[in-house]
Amino acid sequence: MKNEQIIYISLDDSGKLNNNEKYLVYAGLVFTNKQELEKFKATYKEIRNQIASKKIYKNISELKGFID
């Protein structure tokens, strides 16, 4: 009998540290099962789409990277 554990990890880095950048953002989420991963992805997509549908964001191709 095979003993197996699957862990899903989602990582994001927003940039790199150099002399011109003051901050680095590095974040991660850990899910211990596929159902929780899929639930998070669906919730995130729904919230992101609600924000992106607002009139002021219509012409922005990458919402998360936009600074006004």
PDB file of N, CA and C in Angstrom:
ATOM      1  N   MET A   1       0.844  -1.183   0.000  1.00  0.00           N
ATOM      2  CA  MET A   1       0.000   0.000   0.000  1.00  0.00           C
ATOM      3  C   MET A   1       0.888   1.245   0.000  1.00  0.00           C
ATOM      4  N   LYS A   2       0.595   2.149  -0.909  1.00  0.00           N
ATOM      5  CA  LYS A   2       1.388   3.368  -1.061  1.00  0.00           C
ATOM      6  C   LYS A   2       0.840   4.476  -0.164  1.00  0.00           C
ATOM      7  N   ASN A   3       1.725   5.089   0.606  1.00  0.00           N
ATOM      8  CA  ASN A   3       1.355   6.212   1.455  1.00  0.00           C
ATOM      9  C   ASN A   3       1.759   7.488   0.737  1.00  0.00           C
ATOM     10  N   GLU A   4       0.802   8.305   0.369  1.00  0.00           N
ATOM     11  CA  GLU A   4       1.096   9.490  -0.431  1.00  0.00           C
ATOM     12  C   GLU A   4       0.357  10.703   0.116  1.00  0.00           C
ATOM     13  N   GLN A   5       1.055  11.832   0.135  1.00  0.00           N
ATOM     14  CA  GLN A   5       0.435  13.093   0.521  1.00  0.00           C
ATOM     15  C   GLN A   5       0.702  14.095  -0.588  1.00  0.00           C
ATOM     16  N   ILE A   6      -0.339  14.758  -1.053  1.00  0.00           N
ATOM     17  CA  ILE A   6      -0.201  15.767  -2.102  1.00  0.00           C
ATOM     18  C   ILE A   6      -0.467  17.127  -1.485  1.00  0.00           C
ATOM     19  N   ILE A   7       0.473  18.036  -1.676  1.00  0.00           N
ATOM     20  CA  ILE A   7       0.337  19.397  -1.186  1.00  0.00           C
ATOM     21  C   ILE A   7       0.414  20.328  -2.391  1.00  0.00           C
ATOM     22  N   TYR A   8      -0.527  21.254  -2.508  1.00  0.00           N
ATOM     23  CA  TYR A   8      -0.559  22.224  -3.594  1.00  0.00           C
ATOM     24  C   TYR A   8      -0.024  23.549  -3.068  1.00  0.00           C
ATOM     25  N   ILE A   9       0.962  24.114  -3.743  1.00  0.00           N
ATOM     26  CA  ILE A   9       1.568  25.372  -3.321  1.00  0.00           C
ATOM     27  C   ILE A   9       1.480  26.378  -4.466  1.00  0.00           C
ATOM     28  N   SER A  10       0.977  27.552  -4.155  1.00  0.00           N
ATOM     29  CA  SER A  10       0.884  28.630  -5.134  1.00  0.00           C
ATOM     30  C   SER A  10       1.786  29.756  -4.664  1.00  0.00           C
ATOM     31  N   LEU A  11       2.773  30.136  -5.475  1.00  0.00           N
ATOM     32  CA  LEU A  11       3.713  31.188  -5.111  1.00  0.00           C
ATOM     33  C   LEU A  11       3.644  32.321  -6.110  1.00  0.00           C
ATOM     34  N   ASP A  12       3.901  33.517  -5.625  1.00  0.00           N
ATOM     35  CA  ASP A  12       3.910  34.684  -6.502  1.00  0.00           C
ATOM     36  C   ASP A  12       4.987  35.639  -6.033  1.00  0.00           C
ATOM     37  N   ASP A  13       5.825  36.074  -6.940  1.00  0.00           N
ATOM     38  CA  ASP A  13       6.754  37.150  -6.600  1.00  0.00           C
ATOM     39  C   ASP A  13       6.463  38.318  -7.523  1.00  0.00           C
ATOM     40  N   SER A  14       6.435  39.485  -6.954  1.00  0.00           N
ATOM     41  CA  SER A  14       6.032  40.650  -7.724  1.00  0.00           C
ATOM     42  C   SER A  14       7.216  41.391  -8.324  1.00  0.00           C
ATOM     43  N   GLY A  15       8.383  40.922  -8.081  1.00  0.00           N
ATOM     44  CA  GLY A  15       9.539  41.614  -8.631  1.00  0.00           C
ATOM     45  C   GLY A  15      10.816  41.122  -7.991  1.00  0.00           C
ATOM     46  N   LYS A  16      11.859  41.892  -8.151  1.00  0.00           N
ATOM     47  CA  LYS A  16      13.141  41.509  -7.590  1.00  0.00           C
ATOM     48  C   LYS A  16      13.761  42.703  -6.884  1.00  0.00           C
ATOM     49  N   LEU A  17      14.650  42.413  -5.985  1.00  0.00           N
ATOM     50  CA  LEU A  17      15.334  43.488  -5.280  1.00  0.00           C
ATOM     51  C   LEU A  17      16.531  43.952  -6.099  1.00  0.00           C
ATOM     52  N   ASN A  18      16.611  45.245  -6.296  1.00  0.00           N
ATOM     53  CA  ASN A  18      17.796  45.862  -6.901  1.00  0.00           C
ATOM     54  C   ASN A  18      17.903  47.279  -6.358  1.00  0.00           C
ATOM     55  N   ASN A  19      18.854  48.028  -6.809  1.00  0.00           N
ATOM     56  CA  ASN A  19      19.073  49.371  -6.272  1.00  0.00           C
ATOM     57  C   ASN A  19      17.915  50.321  -6.530  1.00  0.00           C
ATOM     58  N   ASN A  20      17.095  50.046  -7.544  1.00  0.00           N
ATOM     59  CA  ASN A  20      15.986  50.933  -7.889  1.00  0.00           C
ATOM     60  C   ASN A  20      14.667  50.568  -7.226  1.00  0.00           C
ATOM     61  N   GLU A  21      14.593  49.402  -6.600  1.00  0.00           N
ATOM     62  CA  GLU A  21      13.351  48.947  -5.982  1.00  0.00           C
ATOM     63  C   GLU A  21      13.516  48.866  -4.476  1.00  0.00           C
ATOM     64  N   LYS A  22      12.560  49.460  -3.780  1.00  0.00           N
ATOM     65  CA  LYS A  22      12.642  49.502  -2.325  1.00  0.00           C
ATOM     66  C   LYS A  22      12.064  48.239  -1.678  1.00  0.00           C
ATOM     67  N   TYR A  23      11.074  47.614  -2.329  1.00  0.00           N
ATOM     68  CA  TYR A  23      10.379  46.481  -1.726  1.00  0.00           C
ATOM     69  C   TYR A  23      10.306  45.287  -2.665  1.00  0.00           C
ATOM     70  N   LEU A  24      10.186  44.125  -2.065  1.00  0.00           N
ATOM     71  CA  LEU A  24       9.939  42.875  -2.778  1.00  0.00           C
ATOM     72  C   LEU A  24       8.745  42.221  -2.093  1.00  0.00           C
ATOM     73  N   VAL A  25       7.779  41.769  -2.878  1.00  0.00           N
ATOM     74  CA  VAL A  25       6.643  41.055  -2.305  1.00  0.00           C
ATOM     75  C   VAL A  25       6.738  39.612  -2.758  1.00  0.00           C
ATOM     76  N   TYR A  26       6.723  38.702  -1.805  1.00  0.00           N
ATOM     77  CA  TYR A  26       6.758  37.276  -2.110  1.00  0.00           C
ATOM     78  C   TYR A  26       5.720  36.616  -1.230  1.00  0.00           C
ATOM     79  N   ALA A  27       4.755  35.992  -1.833  1.00  0.00           N
ATOM     80  CA  ALA A  27       3.659  35.414  -1.055  1.00  0.00           C
ATOM     81  C   ALA A  27       3.405  33.988  -1.488  1.00  0.00           C
ATOM     82  N   GLY A  28       2.886  33.210  -0.584  1.00  0.00           N
ATOM     83  CA  GLY A  28       2.569  31.831  -0.911  1.00  0.00           C
ATOM     84  C   GLY A  28       1.327  31.354  -0.188  1.00  0.00           C
ATOM     85  N   LEU A  29       0.641  30.420  -0.800  1.00  0.00           N
ATOM     86  CA  LEU A  29      -0.529  29.790  -0.206  1.00  0.00           C
ATOM     87  C   LEU A  29      -0.310  28.283  -0.275  1.00  0.00           C
ATOM     88  N   VAL A  30      -0.710  27.582   0.752  1.00  0.00           N
ATOM     89  CA  VAL A  30      -0.553  26.131   0.780  1.00  0.00           C
ATOM     90  C   VAL A  30      -1.925  25.504   0.954  1.00  0.00           C
ATOM     91  N   PHE A  31      -2.224  24.516   0.116  1.00  0.00           N
ATOM     92  CA  PHE A  31      -3.480  23.786   0.183  1.00  0.00           C
ATOM     93  C   PHE A  31      -3.158  22.310   0.365  1.00  0.00           C
ATOM     94  N   THR A  32      -3.871  21.657   1.245  1.00  0.00           N
ATOM     95  CA  THR A  32      -3.597  20.245   1.512  1.00  0.00           C
ATOM     96  C   THR A  32      -4.499  19.300   0.729  1.00  0.00           C
ATOM     97  N   ASN A  33      -5.421  19.873  -0.050  1.00  0.00           N
ATOM     98  CA  ASN A  33      -6.222  19.010  -0.923  1.00  0.00           C
ATOM     99  C   ASN A  33      -6.717  19.819  -2.122  1.00  0.00           C
ATOM    100  N   LYS A  34      -7.041  19.097  -3.162  1.00  0.00           N
ATOM    101  CA  LYS A  34      -7.427  19.728  -4.425  1.00  0.00           C
ATOM    102  C   LYS A  34      -8.742  20.506  -4.307  1.00  0.00           C
ATOM    103  N   GLN A  35      -9.663  20.044  -3.472  1.00  0.00           N
ATOM    104  CA  GLN A  35     -10.937  20.733  -3.312  1.00  0.00           C
ATOM    105  C   GLN A  35     -10.736  22.146  -2.755  1.00  0.00           C
ATOM    106  N   GLU A  36      -9.866  22.287  -1.765  1.00  0.00           N
ATOM    107  CA  GLU A  36      -9.600  23.602  -1.200  1.00  0.00           C
ATOM    108  C   GLU A  36      -8.885  24.505  -2.202  1.00  0.00           C
ATOM    109  N   LEU A  37      -7.980  23.936  -2.982  1.00  0.00           N
ATOM    110  CA  LEU A  37      -7.298  24.691  -4.036  1.00  0.00           C
ATOM    111  C   LEU A  37      -8.310  25.220  -5.041  1.00  0.00           C
ATOM    112  N   GLU A  38      -9.185  24.355  -5.523  1.00  0.00           N
ATOM    113  CA  GLU A  38     -10.184  24.759  -6.519  1.00  0.00           C
ATOM    114  C   GLU A  38     -11.168  25.778  -5.945  1.00  0.00           C
ATOM    115  N   LYS A  39     -11.543  25.632  -4.678  1.00  0.00           N
ATOM    116  CA  LYS A  39     -12.433  26.590  -4.021  1.00  0.00           C
ATOM    117  C   LYS A  39     -11.776  27.966  -3.967  1.00  0.00           C
ATOM    118  N   PHE A  40     -10.503  28.010  -3.591  1.00  0.00           N
ATOM    119  CA  PHE A  40      -9.785  29.277  -3.534  1.00  0.00           C
ATOM    120  C   PHE A  40      -9.699  29.911  -4.921  1.00  0.00           C
ATOM    121  N   LYS A  41      -9.345  29.119  -5.931  1.00  0.00           N
ATOM    122  CA  LYS A  41      -9.211  29.659  -7.285  1.00  0.00           C
ATOM    123  C   LYS A  41     -10.521  30.254  -7.777  1.00  0.00           C
ATOM    124  N   ALA A  42     -11.634  29.592  -7.494  1.00  0.00           N
ATOM    125  CA  ALA A  42     -12.941  30.087  -7.929  1.00  0.00           C
ATOM    126  C   ALA A  42     -13.297  31.390  -7.208  1.00  0.00           C
ATOM    127  N   THR A  43     -13.038  31.447  -5.912  1.00  0.00           N
ATOM    128  CA  THR A  43     -13.322  32.661  -5.137  1.00  0.00           C
ATOM    129  C   THR A  43     -12.459  33.812  -5.605  1.00  0.00           C
ATOM    130  N   TYR A  44     -11.158  33.553  -5.803  1.00  0.00           N
ATOM    131  CA  TYR A  44     -10.239  34.586  -6.265  1.00  0.00           C
ATOM    132  C   TYR A  44     -10.671  35.124  -7.628  1.00  0.00           C
ATOM    133  N   LYS A  45     -11.011  34.217  -8.541  1.00  0.00           N
ATOM    134  CA  LYS A  45     -11.420  34.631  -9.888  1.00  0.00           C
ATOM    135  C   LYS A  45     -12.698  35.475  -9.843  1.00  0.00           C
ATOM    136  N   GLU A  46     -13.637  35.087  -8.991  1.00  0.00           N
ATOM    137  CA  GLU A  46     -14.883  35.844  -8.875  1.00  0.00           C
ATOM    138  C   GLU A  46     -14.623  37.259  -8.361  1.00  0.00           C
ATOM    139  N   ILE A  47     -13.807  37.392  -7.329  1.00  0.00           N
ATOM    140  CA  ILE A  47     -13.496  38.713  -6.776  1.00  0.00           C
ATOM    141  C   ILE A  47     -12.728  39.552  -7.785  1.00  0.00           C
ATOM    142  N   ARG A  48     -11.742  38.940  -8.441  1.00  0.00           N
ATOM    143  CA  ARG A  48     -10.936  39.645  -9.436  1.00  0.00           C
ATOM    144  C   ARG A  48     -11.817  40.153 -10.569  1.00  0.00           C
ATOM    145  N   ASN A  49     -12.754  39.326 -11.027  1.00  0.00           N
ATOM    146  CA  ASN A  49     -13.633  39.722 -12.129  1.00  0.00           C
ATOM    147  C   ASN A  49     -14.612  40.818 -11.712  1.00  0.00           C
ATOM    148  N   GLN A  50     -15.060  40.796 -10.454  1.00  0.00           N
ATOM    149  CA  GLN A  50     -15.934  41.868  -9.966  1.00  0.00           C
ATOM    150  C   GLN A  50     -15.191  43.204  -9.974  1.00  0.00           C
ATOM    151  N   ILE A  51     -13.944  43.188  -9.534  1.00  0.00           N
ATOM    152  CA  ILE A  51     -13.141  44.415  -9.528  1.00  0.00           C
ATOM    153  C   ILE A  51     -12.859  44.868 -10.957  1.00  0.00           C
ATOM    154  N   ALA A  52     -12.444  43.926 -11.812  1.00  0.00           N
ATOM    155  CA  ALA A  52     -12.075  44.259 -13.192  1.00  0.00           C
ATOM    156  C   ALA A  52     -13.259  44.781 -14.001  1.00  0.00           C
ATOM    157  N   SER A  53     -14.467  44.415 -13.618  1.00  0.00           N
ATOM    158  CA  SER A  53     -15.636  44.846 -14.396  1.00  0.00           C
ATOM    159  C   SER A  53     -16.029  46.292 -14.118  1.00  0.00           C
ATOM    160  N   LYS A  54     -15.444  46.896 -13.118  1.00  0.00           N
ATOM    161  CA  LYS A  54     -15.754  48.298 -12.814  1.00  0.00           C
ATOM    162  C   LYS A  54     -15.268  49.199 -13.950  1.00  0.00           C
ATOM    163  N   LYS A  55     -16.022  50.195 -14.239  1.00  0.00           N
ATOM    164  CA  LYS A  55     -15.772  51.077 -15.377  1.00  0.00           C
ATOM    165  C   LYS A  55     -14.355  51.659 -15.386  1.00  0.00           C
ATOM    166  N   ILE A  56     -13.836  52.032 -14.234  1.00  0.00           N
ATOM    167  CA  ILE A  56     -12.514  52.680 -14.190  1.00  0.00           C
ATOM    168  C   ILE A  56     -11.370  51.733 -14.567  1.00  0.00           C
ATOM    169  N   TYR A  57     -11.619  50.427 -14.581  1.00  0.00           N
ATOM    170  CA  TYR A  57     -10.567  49.456 -14.906  1.00  0.00           C
ATOM    171  C   TYR A  57     -10.707  48.843 -16.298  1.00  0.00           C
ATOM    172  N   LYS A  58     -11.654  49.280 -17.093  1.00  0.00           N
ATOM    173  CA  LYS A  58     -11.952  48.652 -18.379  1.00  0.00           C
ATOM    174  C   LYS A  58     -10.768  48.598 -19.345  1.00  0.00           C
ATOM    175  N   ASN A  59      -9.882  49.588 -19.349  1.00  0.00           N
ATOM    176  CA  ASN A  59      -8.783  49.637 -20.316  1.00  0.00           C
ATOM    177  C   ASN A  59      -7.451  49.184 -19.728  1.00  0.00           C
ATOM    178  N   ILE A  60      -7.489  48.447 -18.645  1.00  0.00           N
ATOM    179  CA  ILE A  60      -6.261  47.975 -18.008  1.00  0.00           C
ATOM    180  C   ILE A  60      -6.116  46.481 -18.289  1.00  0.00           C
ATOM    181  N   SER A  61      -5.015  46.088 -18.938  1.00  0.00           N
ATOM    182  CA  SER A  61      -4.850  44.686 -19.314  1.00  0.00           C
ATOM    183  C   SER A  61      -4.407  43.809 -18.151  1.00  0.00           C
ATOM    184  N   GLU A  62      -3.594  44.329 -17.240  1.00  0.00           N
ATOM    185  CA  GLU A  62      -3.157  43.547 -16.092  1.00  0.00           C
ATOM    186  C   GLU A  62      -3.533  44.298 -14.830  1.00  0.00           C
ATOM    187  N   LEU A  63      -4.694  43.988 -14.307  1.00  0.00           N
ATOM    188  CA  LEU A  63      -5.244  44.714 -13.175  1.00  0.00           C
ATOM    189  C   LEU A  63      -4.326  44.660 -11.949  1.00  0.00           C
ATOM    190  N   LYS A  64      -3.764  43.497 -11.646  1.00  0.00           N
ATOM    191  CA  LYS A  64      -2.987  43.371 -10.425  1.00  0.00           C
ATOM    192  C   LYS A  64      -1.707  44.199 -10.454  1.00  0.00           C
ATOM    193  N   GLY A  65      -1.203  44.503 -11.637  1.00  0.00           N
ATOM    194  CA  GLY A  65       0.043  45.256 -11.727  1.00  0.00           C
ATOM    195  C   GLY A  65      -0.165  46.737 -11.980  1.00  0.00           C
ATOM    196  N   PHE A  66      -1.405  47.196 -11.983  1.00  0.00           N
ATOM    197  CA  PHE A  66      -1.694  48.578 -12.336  1.00  0.00           C
ATOM    198  C   PHE A  66      -1.567  49.502 -11.144  1.00  0.00           C
ATOM    199  N   ILE A  67      -0.874  50.615 -11.320  1.00  0.00           N
ATOM    200  CA  ILE A  67      -0.789  51.644 -10.286  1.00  0.00           C
ATOM    201  C   ILE A  67      -1.243  52.949 -10.922  1.00  0.00           C
ATOM    202  N   ASP A  68      -2.219  53.579 -10.311  1.00  0.00           N
ATOM    203  CA  ASP A  68      -2.762  54.829 -10.842  1.00  0.00           C
ATOM    204  C   ASP A  68      -2.136  55.997 -10.127  1.00  0.00           C
TER     205      ASP A  68
END
